[in-house]
C-alpha atoms as a PDB file:
ATOM      1  CA  MET A   1      65.942  72.612  -6.387  1.00  0.00           C
ATOM      2  CA  PRO A   2      65.445  76.307  -5.909  1.00  0.00           C
ATOM      3  CA  ARG A   3      61.594  76.002  -6.596  1.00  0.00           C
ATOM      4  CA  LYS A   4      61.457  73.008  -3.633  1.00  0.00           C
ATOM      5  CA  ARG A   5      63.680  75.489  -1.683  1.00  0.00           C
ATOM      6  CA  LYS A   6      61.133  78.332  -1.862  1.00  0.00           C
ATOM      7  CA  LEU A   7      58.111  75.742  -1.313  1.00  0.00           C
ATOM      8  CA  LEU A   8      59.729  74.732   1.945  1.00  0.00           C
ATOM      9  CA  ALA A   9      60.454  78.247   3.110  1.00  0.00           C
ATOM     10  CA  GLN A  10      56.774  78.905   2.634  1.00  0.00           C
ATOM     11  CA  LEU A  11      55.515  76.124   4.563  1.00  0.00           C
ATOM     12  CA  SER A  12      58.033  76.735   7.486  1.00  0.00           C
ATOM     13  CA  ALA A  13      56.641  80.192   7.685  1.00  0.00           C
ATOM     14  CA  LEU A  14      53.078  79.348   7.461  1.00  0.00           C
ATOM     15  CA  GLN A  15      53.754  77.148  10.411  1.00  0.00           C
ATOM     16  CA  SER A  16      55.331  79.585  12.576  1.00  0.00           C
ATOM     17  CA  ASN A  17      52.665  82.096  11.778  1.00  0.00           C
ATOM     18  CA  THR A  18      49.567  79.712  12.540  1.00  0.00           C
ATOM     19  CA  SER A  19      47.960  80.639  15.992  1.00  0.00           C
ATOM     20  CA  PHE A  20      44.984  79.446  18.171  1.00  0.00           C
ATOM     21  CA  PRO A  21      43.551  82.582  20.038  1.00  0.00           C
ATOM     22  CA  GLN A  22      41.788  80.362  22.332  1.00  0.00           C
ATOM     23  CA  ILE A  23      44.573  78.147  23.643  1.00  0.00           C
ATOM     24  CA  ASP A  24      47.179  81.190  23.575  1.00  0.00           C
ATOM     25  CA  ALA A  25      44.651  83.194  25.768  1.00  0.00           C
ATOM     26  CA  LEU A  26      44.342  80.204  28.455  1.00  0.00           C
ATOM     27  CA  GLU A  27      48.216  79.579  28.156  1.00  0.00           C
ATOM     28  CA  LYS A  28      48.671  83.270  29.424  1.00  0.00           C
ATOM     29  CA  LEU A  29      46.381  82.802  32.204  1.00  0.00           C
ATOM     30  CA  SER A  30      48.626  80.081  33.867  1.00  0.00           C
ATOM     31  CA  THR A  31      52.056  81.574  32.670  1.00  0.00           C
ATOM     32  CA  THR A  32      53.978  84.025  34.686  1.00  0.00           C
ATOM     33  CA  PRO A  33      56.839  85.966  33.423  1.00  0.00           C
ATOM     34  CA  GLY A  34      60.433  84.012  33.856  1.00  0.00           C
ATOM     35  CA  ALA A  35      58.554  80.931  34.635  1.00  0.00           C
ATOM     36  CA  ASP A  36      58.957  77.417  32.909  1.00  0.00           C
ATOM     37  CA  PRO A  37      56.585  77.673  29.924  1.00  0.00           C
ATOM     38  CA  SER A  38      56.029  73.904  30.174  1.00  0.00           C
ATOM     39  CA  PRO A  39      52.544  72.589  31.788  1.00  0.00           C
ATOM     40  CA  LYS A  40      53.194  72.393  35.420  1.00  0.00           C
ATOM     41  CA  SER A  41      52.625  68.497  36.591  1.00  0.00           C
ATOM     42  CA  SER A  42      53.161  67.140  40.181  1.00  0.00           C
ATOM     43  CA  LYS A  43      56.039  65.417  41.169  1.00  0.00           C
ATOM     44  CA  TYR A  44      54.185  62.613  41.600  1.00  0.00           C
ATOM     45  CA  PHE A  45      53.081  62.268  38.107  1.00  0.00           C
ATOM     46  CA  VAL A  46      54.413  58.761  36.585  1.00  0.00           C
ATOM     47  CA  ILE A  47      51.783  58.148  34.403  1.00  0.00           C
ATOM     48  CA  GLU A  48      52.526  57.793  30.665  1.00  0.00           C
ATOM     49  CA  LYS A  49      49.536  59.208  29.094  1.00  0.00           C
ATOM     50  CA  LYS A  50      49.922  57.871  25.453  1.00  0.00           C
ATOM     51  CA  ASN A  51      50.003  54.340  26.659  1.00  0.00           C
ATOM     52  CA  SER A  52      47.048  54.717  29.438  1.00  0.00           C
ATOM     53  CA  PRO A  53      44.011  52.880  28.221  1.00  0.00           C
ATOM     54  CA  GLN A  54      40.706  54.222  29.483  1.00  0.00           C
ATOM     55  CA  LEU A  55      38.694  52.491  31.905  1.00  0.00           C
ATOM     56  CA  GLN A  56      35.731  50.728  30.485  1.00  0.00           C
ATOM     57  CA  ALA A  57      32.401  49.687  31.410  1.00  0.00           C
ATOM     58  CA  ASP A  58      33.436  46.492  33.254  1.00  0.00           C
ATOM     59  CA  PHE A  59      35.357  48.319  35.754  1.00  0.00           C
ATOM     60  CA  PHE A  60      32.348  50.392  36.527  1.00  0.00           C
ATOM     61  CA  ASP A  61      29.951  47.590  36.632  1.00  0.00           C
ATOM     62  CA  GLN A  62      30.797  46.072  40.439  1.00  0.00           C
ATOM     63  CA  PRO A  63      28.861  46.826  43.711  1.00  0.00           C
ATOM     64  CA  CYS A  64      29.074  50.182  45.540  1.00  0.00           C
ATOM     65  CA  VAL A  65      31.575  49.364  48.269  1.00  0.00           C
ATOM     66  CA  SER A  66      33.846  47.573  46.088  1.00  0.00           C
ATOM     67  CA  LEU A  67      33.860  50.552  43.571  1.00  0.00           C
ATOM     68  CA  ALA A  68      34.469  53.233  45.946  1.00  0.00           C
ATOM     69  CA  LYS A  69      37.719  51.010  46.974  1.00  0.00           C
ATOM     70  CA  SER A  70      38.741  50.302  43.558  1.00  0.00           C
ATOM     71  CA  PHE A  71      38.433  54.122  42.477  1.00  0.00           C
ATOM     72  CA  LEU A  72      41.407  54.844  44.995  1.00  0.00           C
ATOM     73  CA  GLY A  73      44.648  55.019  42.866  1.00  0.00           C
ATOM     74  CA  GLN A  74      42.733  55.591  39.359  1.00  0.00           C
ATOM     75  CA  ILE A  75      43.241  58.715  37.602  1.00  0.00           C
ATOM     76  CA  LEU A  76      40.461  61.207  36.648  1.00  0.00           C
ATOM     77  CA  VAL A  77      41.172  63.004  33.588  1.00  0.00           C
ATOM     78  CA  ARG A  78      39.351  66.243  32.411  1.00  0.00           C
ATOM     79  CA  LYS A  79      39.853  67.726  29.001  1.00  0.00           C
ATOM     80  CA  LEU A  80      39.298  71.539  28.722  1.00  0.00           C
ATOM     81  CA  PRO A  81      37.671  73.445  25.800  1.00  0.00           C
ATOM     82  CA  ASP A  82      41.189  74.540  24.746  1.00  0.00           C
ATOM     83  CA  GLY A  83      42.379  70.708  24.765  1.00  0.00           C
ATOM     84  CA  ARG A  84      44.537  71.195  27.716  1.00  0.00           C
ATOM     85  CA  GLU A  85      43.900  68.044  30.012  1.00  0.00           C
ATOM     86  CA  LEU A  86      43.804  68.014  34.087  1.00  0.00           C
ATOM     87  CA  TRP A  87      44.595  64.851  35.614  1.00  0.00           C
ATOM     88  CA  GLY A  88      44.055  63.985  39.193  1.00  0.00           C
ATOM     89  CA  ARG A  89      44.638  60.601  41.556  1.00  0.00           C
ATOM     90  CA  ILE A  90      41.512  59.661  43.604  1.00  0.00           C
ATOM     91  CA  VAL A  91      42.417  59.459  46.839  1.00  0.00           C
ATOM     92  CA  GLU A  92      39.237  59.433  48.785  1.00  0.00           C
ATOM     93  CA  THR A  93      35.858  58.206  48.062  1.00  0.00           C
ATOM     94  CA  GLU A  94      32.374  57.494  49.890  1.00  0.00           C
ATOM     95  CA  ALA A  95      29.937  54.623  49.034  1.00  0.00           C
ATOM     96  CA  TYR A  96      25.954  55.674  48.937  1.00  0.00           C
ATOM     97  CA  LEU A  97      24.281  52.259  48.707  1.00  0.00           C
ATOM     98  CA  GLY A  98      20.750  53.360  47.933  1.00  0.00           C
ATOM     99  CA  GLY A  99      17.509  52.168  49.048  1.00  0.00           C
ATOM    100  CA  GLU A 100      18.112  51.372  52.723  1.00  0.00           C
ATOM    101  CA  ASP A 101      20.848  53.711  53.335  1.00  0.00           C
ATOM    102  CA  GLU A 102      19.638  56.721  54.978  1.00  0.00           C
ATOM    103  CA  ALA A 103      22.401  59.168  53.937  1.00  0.00           C
ATOM    104  CA  SER A 104      21.809  58.493  50.097  1.00  0.00           C
ATOM    105  CA  HIS A 105      19.852  60.720  47.892  1.00  0.00           C
ATOM    106  CA  SER A 106      18.111  57.546  46.550  1.00  0.00           C
ATOM    107  CA  LYS A 107      17.038  56.302  50.160  1.00  0.00           C
ATOM    108  CA  GLY A 108      13.979  54.205  49.873  1.00  0.00           C
ATOM    109  CA  GLY A 109      14.538  53.704  46.422  1.00  0.00           C
ATOM    110  CA  LYS A 110      12.869  56.818  45.376  1.00  0.00           C
ATOM    111  CA  GLN A 111      13.961  58.254  41.985  1.00  0.00           C
ATOM    112  CA  THR A 112      13.553  61.769  40.951  1.00  0.00           C
ATOM    113  CA  GLN A 113      14.444  64.235  38.217  1.00  0.00           C
ATOM    114  CA  ARG A 114      17.521  65.435  40.541  1.00  0.00           C
ATOM    115  CA  ASN A 115      18.850  61.803  41.356  1.00  0.00           C
ATOM    116  CA  ALA A 116      18.076  60.103  37.955  1.00  0.00           C
ATOM    117  CA  ALA A 117      21.649  59.377  37.122  1.00  0.00           C
ATOM    118  CA  MET A 118      21.769  57.028  40.474  1.00  0.00           C
ATOM    119  CA  PHE A 119      19.885  54.760  38.496  1.00  0.00           C
ATOM    120  CA  MET A 120      21.393  54.778  35.110  1.00  0.00           C
ATOM    121  CA  LYS A 121      24.478  52.115  33.844  1.00  0.00           C
ATOM    122  CA  PRO A 122      27.188  51.936  36.308  1.00  0.00           C
ATOM    123  CA  GLY A 123      29.679  54.544  35.142  1.00  0.00           C
ATOM    124  CA  THR A 124      26.983  57.435  34.937  1.00  0.00           C
ATOM    125  CA  LEU A 125      28.062  60.752  36.667  1.00  0.00           C
ATOM    126  CA  TYR A 126      25.816  62.071  39.258  1.00  0.00           C
ATOM    127  CA  VAL A 127      26.339  65.694  39.747  1.00  0.00           C
ATOM    128  CA  TYR A 128      24.149  67.762  42.405  1.00  0.00           C
ATOM    129  CA  GLN A 129      24.471  71.140  43.683  1.00  0.00           C
ATOM    130  CA  ILE A 130      24.873  71.718  47.452  1.00  0.00           C
ATOM    131  CA  TYR A 131      24.034  75.281  49.388  1.00  0.00           C
ATOM    132  CA  GLY A 132      23.039  76.843  45.887  1.00  0.00           C
ATOM    133  CA  ILE A 133      26.444  77.200  44.683  1.00  0.00           C
ATOM    134  CA  TYR A 134      28.847  74.303  44.957  1.00  0.00           C
ATOM    135  CA  TYR A 135      28.821  70.947  43.217  1.00  0.00           C
ATOM    136  CA  CYS A 136      29.539  67.538  43.929  1.00  0.00           C
ATOM    137  CA  MET A 137      30.335  64.490  41.609  1.00  0.00           C
ATOM    138  CA  ASN A 138      29.605  60.911  42.172  1.00  0.00           C
ATOM    139  CA  VAL A 139      29.624  57.733  39.773  1.00  0.00           C
ATOM    140  CA  SER A 140      26.975  55.408  39.581  1.00  0.00           C
ATOM    141  CA  SER A 141      27.701  51.565  40.517  1.00  0.00           C
ATOM    142  CA  GLN A 142      25.917  48.339  40.539  1.00  0.00           C
ATOM    143  CA  GLY A 143      22.827  48.297  42.921  1.00  0.00           C
ATOM    144  CA  GLU A 144      19.485  50.301  42.395  1.00  0.00           C
ATOM    145  CA  GLY A 145      20.243  53.910  43.390  1.00  0.00           C
ATOM    146  CA  ALA A 146      23.853  53.225  44.471  1.00  0.00           C
ATOM    147  CA  ALA A 147      26.596  55.576  43.664  1.00  0.00           C
ATOM    148  CA  VAL A 148      30.103  56.798  44.817  1.00  0.00           C
ATOM    149  CA  LEU A 149      31.212  59.990  45.813  1.00  0.00           C
ATOM    150  CA  LEU A 150      34.502  61.405  44.608  1.00  0.00           C
ATOM    151  CA  ARG A 151      36.074  63.315  47.637  1.00  0.00           C
ATOM    152  CA  SER A 152      39.392  64.191  47.163  1.00  0.00           C
ATOM    153  CA  LEU A 153      42.092  64.023  44.435  1.00  0.00           C
ATOM    154  CA  GLU A 154      45.727  64.289  44.260  1.00  0.00           C
ATOM    155  CA  PRO A 155      46.269  67.029  41.497  1.00  0.00           C
ATOM    156  CA  LEU A 156      48.605  65.642  38.829  1.00  0.00           C
ATOM    157  CA  GLN A 157      48.688  67.786  35.782  1.00  0.00           C
ATOM    158  CA  GLY A 158      47.563  71.137  34.946  1.00  0.00           C
ATOM    159  CA  LEU A 159      47.719  72.592  38.391  1.00  0.00           C
ATOM    160  CA  ASP A 160      47.776  76.082  37.379  1.00  0.00           C
ATOM    161  CA  ALA A 161      44.775  75.574  35.153  1.00  0.00           C
ATOM    162  CA  MET A 162      43.030  74.049  38.475  1.00  0.00           C
ATOM    163  CA  ARG A 163      44.231  77.315  40.335  1.00  0.00           C
ATOM    164  CA  GLU A 164      42.524  79.691  37.855  1.00  0.00           C
ATOM    165  CA  LEU A 165      39.251  77.666  37.978  1.00  0.00           C
ATOM    166  CA  ARG A 166      39.287  77.590  41.672  1.00  0.00           C
ATOM    167  CA  ARG A 167      39.975  81.363  41.857  1.00  0.00           C
ATOM    168  CA  ALA A 168      37.235  82.040  39.117  1.00  0.00           C
ATOM    169  CA  SER A 169      34.746  80.159  41.384  1.00  0.00           C
ATOM    170  CA  ARG A 170      35.516  82.260  44.409  1.00  0.00           C
ATOM    171  CA  LYS A 171      34.300  85.792  44.913  1.00  0.00           C
ATOM    172  CA  ALA A 172      36.607  87.398  47.375  1.00  0.00           C
ATOM    173  CA  PRO A 173      40.406  87.379  46.643  1.00  0.00           C
ATOM    174  CA  THR A 174      42.495  84.861  48.216  1.00  0.00           C
ATOM    175  CA  LYS A 175      46.053  83.779  48.584  1.00  0.00           C
ATOM    176  CA  LEU A 176      47.489  81.306  45.965  1.00  0.00           C
ATOM    177  CA  LEU A 177      46.370  77.917  47.072  1.00  0.00           C
ATOM    178  CA  LYS A 178      48.853  75.260  47.489  1.00  0.00           C
ATOM    179  CA  ASP A 179      48.694  71.823  46.020  1.00  0.00           C
ATOM    180  CA  TRP A 180      47.288  70.015  48.590  1.00  0.00           C
ATOM    181  CA  GLN A 181      44.213  72.541  48.969  1.00  0.00           C
ATOM    182  CA  LEU A 182      43.167  72.405  45.048  1.00  0.00           C
ATOM    183  CA  CYS A 183      41.257  69.417  45.241  1.00  0.00           C
ATOM    184  CA  ASN A 184      40.884  68.261  48.933  1.00  0.00           C
ATOM    185  CA  GLY A 185      37.020  68.085  49.093  1.00  0.00           C
ATOM    186  CA  PRO A 186      34.158  67.091  46.891  1.00  0.00           C
ATOM    187  CA  SER A 187      33.344  70.601  45.809  1.00  0.00           C
ATOM    188  CA  LYS A 188      36.918  71.844  45.624  1.00  0.00           C
ATOM    189  CA  LEU A 189      37.552  69.072  43.383  1.00  0.00           C
ATOM    190  CA  CYS A 190      34.721  69.833  41.103  1.00  0.00           C
ATOM    191  CA  GLN A 191      35.746  73.652  40.772  1.00  0.00           C
ATOM    192  CA  ALA A 192      39.316  72.608  40.250  1.00  0.00           C
ATOM    193  CA  PHE A 193      38.013  70.581  37.254  1.00  0.00           C
ATOM    194  CA  GLY A 194      35.698  72.698  35.828  1.00  0.00           C
ATOM    195  CA  ILE A 195      32.535  70.363  36.643  1.00  0.00           C
ATOM    196  CA  ASP A 196      29.031  71.550  36.972  1.00  0.00           C
ATOM    197  CA  LYS A 197      25.426  70.393  36.517  1.00  0.00           C
ATOM    198  CA  ALA A 198      26.067  70.105  32.763  1.00  0.00           C
ATOM    199  CA  PHE A 199      28.152  66.969  33.457  1.00  0.00           C
ATOM    200  CA  ASP A 200      25.079  65.394  35.580  1.00  0.00           C
ATOM    201  CA  GLN A 201      24.275  61.896  33.442  1.00  0.00           C
ATOM    202  CA  ARG A 202      27.375  62.080  31.444  1.00  0.00           C
ATOM    203  CA  ASP A 203      29.113  58.367  30.609  1.00  0.00           C
ATOM    204  CA  LEU A 204      32.570  58.271  32.063  1.00  0.00           C
ATOM    205  CA  THR A 205      33.199  55.425  29.264  1.00  0.00           C
ATOM    206  CA  GLN A 206      32.181  57.705  26.428  1.00  0.00           C
ATOM    207  CA  ASP A 207      32.517  61.394  27.221  1.00  0.00           C
ATOM    208  CA  ALA A 208      34.854  63.377  25.459  1.00  0.00           C
ATOM    209  CA  ALA A 209      35.470  65.802  28.008  1.00  0.00           C
ATOM    210  CA  ILE A 210      35.929  63.821  31.092  1.00  0.00           C
ATOM    211  CA  TRP A 211      37.039  60.122  31.713  1.00  0.00           C
ATOM    212  CA  MET A 212      39.408  57.752  33.969  1.00  0.00           C
ATOM    213  CA  VAL A 213      42.511  55.834  33.316  1.00  0.00           C
ATOM    214  CA  PRO A 214      44.233  53.137  35.388  1.00  0.00           C
ATOM    215  CA  GLY A 215      46.705  54.318  38.148  1.00  0.00           C
ATOM    216  CA  GLN A 216      50.067  52.712  37.870  1.00  0.00           C
ATOM    217  CA  ASP A 217      50.154  50.959  41.320  1.00  0.00           C
ATOM    218  CA  PRO A 218      47.017  49.964  42.704  1.00  0.00           C
ATOM    219  CA  PRO A 219      46.746  50.268  46.688  1.00  0.00           C
ATOM    220  CA  GLY A 220      46.660  47.355  48.857  1.00  0.00           C
ATOM    221  CA  GLU A 221      44.260  46.534  51.909  1.00  0.00           C
ATOM    222  CA  GLN A 222      47.196  47.761  54.276  1.00  0.00           C
ATOM    223  CA  ASP A 223      47.172  51.210  52.028  1.00  0.00           C
ATOM    224  CA  VAL A 224      43.437  52.033  52.228  1.00  0.00           C
ATOM    225  CA  VAL A 225      41.662  53.487  55.487  1.00  0.00           C
ATOM    226  CA  THR A 226      37.900  52.649  56.112  1.00  0.00           C
ATOM    227  CA  THR A 227      36.015  55.026  58.440  1.00  0.00           C
ATOM    228  CA  THR A 228      32.708  56.793  58.604  1.00  0.00           C
ATOM    229  CA  ARG A 229      31.375  59.387  55.840  1.00  0.00           C
ATOM    230  CA  ILE A 230      31.516  63.134  56.454  1.00  0.00           C
ATOM    231  CA  GLY A 231      28.872  65.630  56.694  1.00  0.00           C
ATOM    232  CA  ILE A 232      25.768  63.571  56.301  1.00  0.00           C
ATOM    233  CA  GLY A 233      24.046  64.747  59.378  1.00  0.00           C
ATOM    234  CA  ASP A 234      21.659  62.725  61.703  1.00  0.00           C
ATOM    235  CA  ARG A 235      21.417  59.451  59.858  1.00  0.00           C
ATOM    236  CA  GLY A 236      21.002  57.104  62.701  1.00  0.00           C
ATOM    237  CA  GLU A 237      23.466  54.022  62.273  1.00  0.00           C
ATOM    238  CA  TRP A 238      23.903  55.274  58.932  1.00  0.00           C
ATOM    239  CA  ALA A 239      26.302  57.817  60.028  1.00  0.00           C
ATOM    240  CA  GLN A 240      28.459  55.302  61.711  1.00  0.00           C
ATOM    241  CA  LYS A 241      28.554  52.954  58.933  1.00  0.00           C
ATOM    242  CA  PRO A 242      32.236  52.483  57.803  1.00  0.00           C
ATOM    243  CA  LEU A 243      31.784  53.663  53.962  1.00  0.00           C
ATOM    244  CA  ARG A 244      34.382  56.427  53.446  1.00  0.00           C
ATOM    245  CA  PHE A 245      37.660  54.977  51.949  1.00  0.00           C
ATOM    246  CA  TYR A 246      40.972  56.872  51.777  1.00  0.00           C
ATOM    247  CA  LEU A 247      44.808  56.150  50.923  1.00  0.00           C
ATOM    248  CA  ARG A 248      46.520  56.227  54.230  1.00  0.00           C
ATOM    249  CA  GLY A 249      49.116  58.849  54.389  1.00  0.00           C
ATOM    250  CA  ASN A 250      48.367  60.765  51.428  1.00  0.00           C
ATOM    251  CA  LYS A 251      48.402  64.642  52.157  1.00  0.00           C
ATOM    252  CA  PHE A 252      45.675  65.247  49.496  1.00  0.00           C
ATOM    253  CA  VAL A 253      42.755  63.455  51.656  1.00  0.00           C
ATOM    254  CA  SER A 254      40.351  66.003  52.860  1.00  0.00           C
ATOM    255  CA  VAL A 255      40.056  64.636  56.705  1.00  0.00           C
ATOM    256  CA  SER A 256      42.028  61.994  58.041  1.00  0.00           C
ATOM    257  CA  ASP A 257      40.886  59.751  60.831  1.00  0.00           C
ATOM    258  CA  LYS A 258      43.803  59.562  63.286  1.00  0.00           C
ATOM    259  CA  LYS A 259      42.351  57.284  65.680  1.00  0.00           C
ATOM    260  CA  ILE A 260      41.531  54.434  62.599  1.00  0.00           C
ATOM    261  CA  GLU A 261      45.169  55.259  61.689  1.00  0.00           C
ATOM    262  CA  ARG A 262      46.786  54.631  64.967  1.00  0.00           C
ATOM    263  CA  GLU A 263      44.748  51.278  65.418  1.00  0.00           C
ATOM    264  CA  MET A 264      46.127  50.069  61.911  1.00  0.00           C
ATOM    265  CA  ALA A 265      49.652  51.347  63.118  1.00  0.00           C
ATOM    266  CA  ALA A 266      49.174  48.956  66.436  1.00  0.00           C
ATOM    267  CA  ARG A 267      47.949  45.855  64.517  1.00  0.00           C
ATOM    268  CA  GLY A 268      51.355  46.280  62.430  1.00  0.00           C
ATOM    269  CA  THR A 269      49.753  47.297  59.468  1.00  0.00           C
ATOM    270  CA  SER A 270      52.070  49.535  57.409  1.00  0.00           C
ATOM    271  CA  PRO A 271      51.195  51.334  54.227  1.00  0.00           C
ATOM    272  CA  CYS A 272      53.216  50.250  51.216  1.00  0.00           C
ATOM    273  CA  SER A 273      55.787  52.861  50.109  1.00  0.00           C
END
């Protein structure tokens, strides 16, 4: 018995002295004196991670507009190098149909080194750079050169890490970002999730650092606002196509279309609570 107690004591001491420098350093970045040391999560976070299956290839293998709508309410997960996970609920998307779509990077069916991911199997990430410094993330769908832009996320888990990543991506010191400011735009969500060109052409069904899981309650048609896309410039009739979709009444959306929302209200279309 004394020998057994001695071995147990040695094992306990070994476990208490074990440390992981990289994880410890990242934890210090997101912890302030006197704060709750547990990972910060949104009050809206209700998903049980261990019971959440990953979205598979059949989910992504659908027409572009259908996929853009289906993304709403699903969860994007990003695993950082230190093992922590960032979770965000998709609340806004845009569909880019390829071919005839004058606003698409694949218009005319032209395939280049830059847009190659748009022609790969559904569920492939297409990440491109804008203004030489920002990134936007898309997911390929059915259709030659078709993809869905992820425009906004509702942060669910890892909010402090998101703030650090956003702060690191900006040169000038700024005020602490509010929750709704972390991912309310395509470039912002890429900054907050640490996504850059290295993620281009990755497969969401196979990658160990980024994937999607189902949301708990899929939104109904009455919850989805359908309106025009943002920031595509003069693309003729394509600038007026209703190819942007977002969750009605969600404060994490980048830009709300109040006119469309009033029309929905006048028709008696009430969003689900």
